[in-house]
Amino acid sequence: MEWSVLHRRSWFNIGLFLLGIWLFPCISLISQEDITVPELYDHIERLTDPKLKGRPPGGKLNKKLIRYIRRDLKKAGVESFKGGYFQPFKAQIRVEQGQSPGPEIKTWNVVGYIPGSHPQLSQEFIVLGAHYDHLGMGGPSSRSETQTGLHYGADDNASGTSALLEIAEKLAANRSKLDRSIILVAFGAEEQGLLGSRYFIQNPPVPKTHIKMMVNMDMVGRLNDEKHIYMGGAGTFPGGMDLMKQKGLALGLNPIVHAGEVGGSDHVSFYREKISVLGVHTGGHPQYHTPDDTIDLINFPGQQKVARYIYEVLVHLASKDQQLHFIDQG
């Protein structure tokens, strides 16, 4: 009788072990396919680490940061173009008007892609981008009284970068849904005058004519109680206004959609090249470009909702059912 009980317990434990082995890949797959609050938080916590000193362009800290972004994209299954994930370029640092020109430093965009599955449409590309840099210890773009102090940039734009990494992970896990290919770019030196996005579109890894759309995320971490999600450029591609409203409402968001109003961030560099764009954000706030833009003010459940919204939009844009051509908004 005692041996029989032990025997049954032994087989029960073996069964649990085997079940765990069978379930582990499934659990891992679910965690990779979902956009989660803990992962969004972890990315923003790392990006706003005081040791990074506000993410200014150039130097050893910039190298540390881009290696982190590359590592996460590579882990998600995002592929690199020939030459690797890093796109180096030179950026001139902004100074106060009337001062001598600032120093020119070397910085980087971080670039990867997810190939589409359609025989023809896979040669068309949609760019999803967000700038990872911020103001460092202040400077002429700071809105603080002293223009000094560590500028964490939790919303601007650690929020966009963290959303980029999470959306990339989900897109890579669901690549079979993509007819068109998607390029993921973490832009450098946006705060110095959109320099990273300008360099990218002047030196694209694919023929420029093959880039049909650019979606930009800049400050997507402060969704308000009314669930307002703002976007400009929805009129630059066919059916954009209706698409953005319908997808947003279906996810419980309240989209404020503009056909034009293309300005203020990296998507401008693409619009100037007559490429359809969409610039997405959750609105301004008093902490913008001050040391008070910190992680404790991020609405993480709201950011998760915004990231899922952008993911759903991208899957639709990458499908053969969506026409993509540029519509000028003047």
Protein backbone atom coordinates (compact mmCIF):
# COMPACT_ATOMS: atom_id res chain seq x y z
CA MET A 1 0.00 0.00 0.00
CA GLU A 2 2.76 2.50 0.92
CA TRP A 3 4.76 1.62 -2.21
CA SER A 4 1.62 2.06 -4.33
CA VAL A 5 1.05 5.60 -3.02
CA LEU A 6 4.69 6.55 -3.62
CA HIS A 7 4.49 5.03 -7.07
CA ARG A 8 1.41 7.06 -7.94
CA ARG A 9 3.00 10.25 -6.54
CA SER A 10 6.13 9.57 -8.57
CA TRP A 11 4.15 9.27 -11.78
CA PHE A 12 2.13 12.36 -10.82
CA ASN A 13 5.32 14.40 -10.38
CA ILE A 14 6.71 13.10 -13.67
CA GLY A 15 3.45 14.10 -15.33
CA LEU A 16 3.69 17.62 -13.91
CA PHE A 17 7.28 17.87 -15.09
CA LEU A 18 6.38 16.79 -18.62
CA LEU A 19 3.41 19.16 -18.64
CA GLY A 20 5.73 21.97 -17.61
CA ILE A 21 8.10 21.15 -20.47
CA TRP A 22 5.17 21.18 -22.90
CA LEU A 23 3.71 24.41 -21.55
CA PHE A 24 6.95 26.40 -21.23
CA PRO A 25 7.29 27.22 -24.95
CA CYS A 26 3.63 28.23 -25.00
CA ILE A 27 4.06 30.53 -21.99
CA SER A 28 7.22 31.97 -23.56
CA LEU A 29 5.38 32.55 -26.84
CA ILE A 30 2.51 34.33 -25.09
CA SER A 31 4.91 36.65 -23.25
CA GLN A 32 6.68 37.47 -26.51
CA GLU A 33 3.47 38.06 -28.45
CA ASP A 34 1.85 40.37 -25.92
CA ILE A 35 2.60 44.03 -25.17
CA THR A 36 2.81 44.10 -21.39
CA VAL A 37 2.96 46.81 -18.75
CA PRO A 38 5.95 45.22 -16.93
CA GLU A 39 8.02 45.18 -20.13
CA LEU A 40 7.07 48.78 -20.99
CA TYR A 41 8.03 49.80 -17.46
CA ASP A 42 11.33 47.94 -17.62
CA HIS A 43 12.32 49.67 -20.87
CA ILE A 44 11.48 53.15 -19.58
CA GLU A 45 13.23 52.46 -16.28
CA ARG A 46 16.39 51.53 -18.19
CA LEU A 47 16.14 54.48 -20.60
CA THR A 48 15.69 56.97 -17.76
CA ASP A 49 18.44 55.51 -15.59
CA PRO A 50 20.40 58.49 -14.16
CA LYS A 51 23.59 56.73 -15.24
CA LEU A 52 22.62 57.53 -18.87
CA LYS A 53 22.57 61.26 -17.95
CA GLY A 54 19.50 62.14 -19.98
CA ARG A 55 20.43 60.29 -23.20
CA PRO A 56 22.38 62.99 -25.05
CA PRO A 57 23.83 62.02 -28.44
CA GLY A 58 27.40 60.80 -28.77
CA GLY A 59 29.93 59.25 -26.42
CA LYS A 60 30.18 56.04 -24.40
CA LEU A 61 26.74 56.37 -22.84
CA ASN A 62 25.14 56.66 -26.27
CA LYS A 63 26.96 53.47 -27.30
CA LYS A 64 25.66 51.69 -24.22
CA LEU A 65 22.13 52.79 -25.04
CA ILE A 66 22.13 51.71 -28.68
CA ARG A 67 23.56 48.32 -27.72
CA TYR A 68 20.60 47.85 -25.39
CA ILE A 69 18.13 48.71 -28.18
CA ARG A 70 19.93 46.45 -30.65
CA ARG A 71 19.97 43.58 -28.18
CA ASP A 72 16.22 43.82 -27.63
CA LEU A 73 15.39 44.02 -31.34
CA LYS A 74 17.66 41.08 -32.12
CA LYS A 75 16.17 39.03 -29.29
CA ALA A 76 12.68 39.70 -30.68
CA GLY A 77 13.69 38.32 -34.09
CA VAL A 78 14.02 41.63 -35.92
CA GLU A 79 16.54 41.18 -38.73
CA SER A 80 19.39 43.52 -39.66
CA PHE A 81 20.17 44.98 -43.04
CA LYS A 82 23.56 44.45 -44.62
CA GLY A 83 26.08 46.21 -42.41
CA GLY A 84 24.29 45.53 -39.12
CA TYR A 85 21.77 47.32 -36.92
CA PHE A 86 23.73 50.56 -36.44
CA GLN A 87 23.56 53.49 -38.86
CA PRO A 88 26.21 56.05 -37.82
CA PHE A 89 25.99 59.75 -38.67
CA LYS A 90 27.33 63.11 -37.50
CA ALA A 91 25.21 65.53 -35.48
CA GLN A 92 25.97 69.12 -34.58
CA ILE A 93 24.94 69.99 -31.05
CA ARG A 94 22.49 72.87 -30.67
CA VAL A 95 23.58 76.04 -28.88
CA GLU A 96 21.91 79.31 -27.93
CA GLN A 97 21.27 81.68 -30.81
CA GLY A 98 24.26 83.89 -31.44
CA GLN A 99 26.79 81.49 -29.92
CA SER A 100 29.56 79.75 -31.81
CA PRO A 101 28.47 76.52 -33.53
CA GLY A 102 28.27 73.52 -31.21
CA PRO A 103 30.55 70.51 -31.54
CA GLU A 104 29.92 67.84 -34.16
CA ILE A 105 29.62 64.39 -32.64
CA LYS A 106 29.12 60.85 -33.90
CA THR A 107 25.84 59.17 -33.05
CA TRP A 108 23.63 56.41 -34.43
CA ASN A 109 20.24 55.27 -35.60
CA VAL A 110 19.34 51.68 -34.68
CA VAL A 111 17.66 49.97 -37.65
CA GLY A 112 16.15 46.54 -38.29
CA TYR A 113 13.33 45.02 -40.29
CA ILE A 114 10.69 42.31 -40.40
CA PRO A 115 10.19 40.92 -43.92
CA GLY A 116 6.69 40.65 -45.31
CA SER A 117 5.32 37.40 -46.70
CA HIS A 118 3.74 38.57 -49.98
CA PRO A 119 5.77 37.81 -53.16
CA GLN A 120 5.42 41.37 -54.47
CA LEU A 121 4.27 43.55 -51.57
CA SER A 122 7.18 42.42 -49.39
CA GLN A 123 9.27 44.84 -51.48
CA GLU A 124 7.21 47.71 -50.07
CA PHE A 125 8.19 49.01 -46.63
CA ILE A 126 6.46 50.71 -43.73
CA VAL A 127 8.73 52.48 -41.23
CA LEU A 128 7.88 52.49 -37.52
CA GLY A 129 10.06 54.95 -35.67
CA ALA A 130 10.71 56.70 -32.36
CA HIS A 131 13.64 58.81 -31.22
CA TYR A 132 15.61 57.50 -28.26
CA ASP A 133 17.70 60.59 -27.44
CA HIS A 134 16.85 63.42 -25.05
CA LEU A 135 18.35 66.65 -23.69
CA GLY A 136 20.96 65.23 -21.36
CA MET A 137 21.70 67.82 -18.68
CA GLY A 138 19.63 70.55 -20.34
CA GLY A 139 20.72 73.15 -22.86
CA PRO A 140 18.95 75.63 -25.13
CA SER A 141 15.93 73.36 -25.76
CA SER A 142 15.18 72.99 -22.05
CA ARG A 143 12.06 74.69 -20.71
CA SER A 144 13.28 74.71 -17.11
CA GLU A 145 14.18 78.06 -15.57
CA THR A 146 17.88 77.28 -15.35
CA GLN A 147 18.04 75.05 -18.48
CA THR A 148 20.14 72.67 -16.38
CA GLY A 149 19.64 69.46 -14.43
CA LEU A 150 19.19 65.87 -15.51
CA HIS A 151 16.39 65.71 -18.10
CA TYR A 152 15.03 62.16 -17.77
CA GLY A 153 12.72 62.31 -20.79
CA ALA A 154 10.40 59.52 -19.60
CA ASP A 155 7.60 60.59 -21.92
CA ASP A 156 9.91 62.35 -24.39
CA ASN A 157 10.78 59.88 -25.71
CA ALA A 158 11.51 56.85 -23.59
CA SER A 159 7.79 56.15 -23.98
CA GLY A 160 8.03 55.99 -27.77
CA THR A 161 11.20 53.89 -27.68
CA SER A 162 9.72 51.39 -25.23
CA ALA A 163 6.58 51.14 -27.38
CA LEU A 164 8.78 50.60 -30.44
CA LEU A 165 10.55 47.66 -28.79
CA GLU A 166 7.33 46.06 -27.57
CA ILE A 167 5.51 46.49 -30.90
CA ALA A 168 8.56 45.11 -32.72
CA GLU A 169 8.42 42.01 -30.54
CA LYS A 170 4.74 41.43 -31.28
CA LEU A 171 5.14 42.10 -35.01
CA ALA A 172 8.05 39.66 -35.24
CA ALA A 173 6.01 36.98 -33.46
CA ASN A 174 3.14 37.53 -35.91
CA ARG A 175 5.12 38.15 -39.09
CA SER A 176 2.89 35.79 -41.08
CA LYS A 177 0.19 38.49 -40.90
CA LEU A 178 2.40 41.00 -42.75
CA ASP A 179 2.25 41.25 -46.54
CA ARG A 180 4.46 44.35 -46.63
CA SER A 181 7.77 44.56 -44.77
CA ILE A 182 8.26 46.75 -41.72
CA ILE A 183 11.41 48.70 -40.84
CA LEU A 184 11.97 49.53 -37.16
CA VAL A 185 14.08 52.61 -36.40
CA ALA A 186 15.18 54.14 -33.10
CA PHE A 187 16.35 57.58 -34.24
CA GLY A 188 19.25 59.46 -32.72
CA ALA A 189 19.64 63.26 -32.40
CA GLU A 190 15.98 64.17 -32.86
CA GLU A 191 16.34 66.85 -30.21
CA GLN A 192 19.16 68.41 -32.24
CA GLY A 193 16.84 69.08 -35.19
CA LEU A 194 15.42 65.75 -36.50
CA LEU A 195 18.94 64.80 -37.57
CA GLY A 196 18.63 61.03 -37.28
CA SER A 197 15.45 60.76 -39.34
CA ARG A 198 16.80 63.18 -41.92
CA TYR A 199 19.95 61.11 -42.30
CA PHE A 200 17.97 57.88 -42.51
CA ILE A 201 15.69 59.00 -45.32
CA GLN A 202 18.64 60.48 -47.22
CA ASN A 203 20.52 57.19 -46.79
CA PRO A 204 17.82 54.52 -46.61
CA PRO A 205 18.71 50.81 -46.47
CA VAL A 206 16.18 50.14 -49.25
CA PRO A 207 15.30 52.21 -52.34
CA LYS A 208 13.47 55.32 -51.17
CA THR A 209 10.64 54.72 -53.62
CA HIS A 210 9.94 51.41 -51.82
CA ILE A 211 9.17 53.22 -48.53
CA LYS A 212 5.41 53.78 -48.65
CA MET A 213 4.58 54.91 -45.12
CA MET A 214 6.12 56.14 -41.88
CA VAL A 215 4.49 55.90 -38.44
CA ASN A 216 6.18 57.91 -35.69
CA MET A 217 5.71 57.69 -31.92
CA ASP A 218 6.85 60.67 -29.89
CA MET A 219 5.47 61.05 -26.35
CA VAL A 220 2.91 58.24 -26.06
CA GLY A 221 3.09 57.70 -22.30
CA ARG A 222 0.60 60.17 -20.84
CA LEU A 223 -2.84 59.02 -22.01
CA ASN A 224 -5.41 61.19 -20.20
CA ASP A 225 -8.67 60.21 -18.52
CA GLU A 226 -10.59 60.99 -21.72
CA LYS A 227 -8.40 58.47 -23.59
CA HIS A 228 -7.38 61.09 -26.17
CA ILE A 229 -4.83 59.88 -28.69
CA TYR A 230 -3.65 62.56 -31.11
CA MET A 231 -2.30 62.12 -34.60
CA GLY A 232 -1.37 64.17 -37.62
CA GLY A 233 -0.98 63.06 -41.22
CA ALA A 234 -3.93 60.66 -41.40
CA GLY A 235 -4.94 62.29 -44.68
CA THR A 236 -1.61 61.52 -46.36
CA PHE A 237 -2.65 57.94 -47.25
CA PRO A 238 -5.91 56.46 -48.59
CA GLY A 239 -8.63 55.92 -45.99
CA GLY A 240 -6.40 57.12 -43.18
CA MET A 241 -8.94 59.24 -41.35
CA ASP A 242 -11.54 56.47 -41.08
CA LEU A 243 -8.95 53.79 -40.30
CA MET A 244 -7.44 55.68 -37.37
CA LYS A 245 -10.84 56.53 -35.88
CA GLN A 246 -12.28 53.02 -36.21
CA LYS A 247 -9.24 51.19 -34.88
CA GLY A 248 -8.99 53.58 -31.94
CA LEU A 249 -12.64 53.41 -30.94
CA ALA A 250 -12.57 49.60 -31.14
CA LEU A 251 -9.82 49.59 -28.49
CA GLY A 252 -11.54 52.07 -26.17
CA LEU A 253 -9.52 55.10 -27.25
CA ASN A 254 -10.80 58.52 -28.27
CA PRO A 255 -8.79 59.41 -31.42
CA ILE A 256 -8.25 63.07 -32.30
CA VAL A 257 -7.36 62.66 -35.97
CA HIS A 258 -5.99 65.35 -38.29
CA ALA A 259 -5.58 64.94 -42.04
CA GLY A 260 -2.60 67.29 -42.03
CA GLU A 261 -0.84 69.01 -39.12
CA VAL A 262 2.38 67.21 -40.00
CA GLY A 263 5.08 68.75 -37.86
CA GLY A 264 7.21 68.63 -34.78
CA SER A 265 8.96 65.26 -34.91
CA ASP A 266 10.78 62.71 -37.06
CA HIS A 267 7.90 61.98 -39.44
CA VAL A 268 8.45 65.48 -40.90
CA SER A 269 11.65 64.22 -42.54
CA PHE A 270 9.62 61.61 -44.45
CA TYR A 271 6.74 63.93 -45.36
CA ARG A 272 9.23 66.31 -46.98
CA GLU A 273 10.20 63.40 -49.25
CA LYS A 274 6.53 62.88 -50.22
CA ILE A 275 6.09 59.75 -48.14
CA SER A 276 2.81 59.17 -46.29
CA VAL A 277 3.15 59.68 -42.54
CA LEU A 278 1.36 59.36 -39.24
CA GLY A 279 2.62 61.12 -36.12
CA VAL A 280 1.12 59.74 -32.90
CA HIS A 281 1.25 61.23 -29.38
CA THR A 282 -0.81 61.52 -26.20
CA GLY A 283 -0.53 65.29 -25.79
CA GLY A 284 1.68 67.90 -24.21
CA HIS A 285 2.18 68.57 -20.49
CA PRO A 286 4.00 71.00 -18.16
CA GLN A 287 6.89 68.57 -17.65
CA TYR A 288 7.86 68.62 -21.34
CA HIS A 289 11.60 69.38 -21.75
CA THR A 290 12.12 69.80 -18.02
CA PRO A 291 13.80 67.58 -15.39
CA ASP A 292 10.30 66.68 -14.13
CA ASP A 293 9.45 64.37 -17.07
CA THR A 294 9.91 61.26 -14.93
CA ILE A 295 8.76 57.64 -14.94
CA ASP A 296 6.30 58.07 -12.05
CA LEU A 297 4.08 60.21 -14.31
CA ILE A 298 3.76 57.61 -17.07
CA ASN A 299 0.32 56.03 -17.47
CA PHE A 300 1.49 52.49 -18.20
CA PRO A 301 -1.93 50.87 -18.81
CA GLY A 302 -2.66 53.78 -21.14
CA GLN A 303 0.66 53.36 -22.93
CA GLN A 304 -0.08 49.66 -23.34
CA LYS A 305 -3.42 50.53 -24.94
CA VAL A 306 -1.73 53.02 -27.31
CA ALA A 307 0.95 50.48 -28.30
CA ARG A 308 -1.68 47.84 -29.03
CA TYR A 309 -3.54 50.40 -31.14
CA ILE A 310 -0.44 51.16 -33.21
CA TYR A 311 0.24 47.45 -33.61
CA GLU A 312 -3.27 46.86 -34.97
CA VAL A 313 -2.89 49.82 -37.36
CA LEU A 314 0.46 48.52 -38.62
CA VAL A 315 -0.90 45.04 -39.32
CA HIS A 316 -3.67 46.65 -41.39
CA LEU A 317 -1.28 48.98 -43.21
CA ALA A 318 0.98 46.04 -44.05
CA SER A 319 -1.88 44.01 -45.50
CA LYS A 320 -2.68 43.67 -49.19
CA ASP A 321 -6.13 45.15 -48.47
CA GLN A 322 -4.64 48.60 -47.81
CA GLN A 323 -3.61 50.85 -50.68
CA LEU A 324 -0.63 53.05 -49.93
CA HIS A 325 0.28 56.13 -51.91
CA PHE A 326 1.15 59.69 -50.92
CA ILE A 327 -1.57 62.34 -50.64
CA ASP A 328 -0.21 65.86 -50.21
CA GLN A 329 -1.82 67.91 -47.42
CA GLY A 330 -0.30 71.22 -48.51
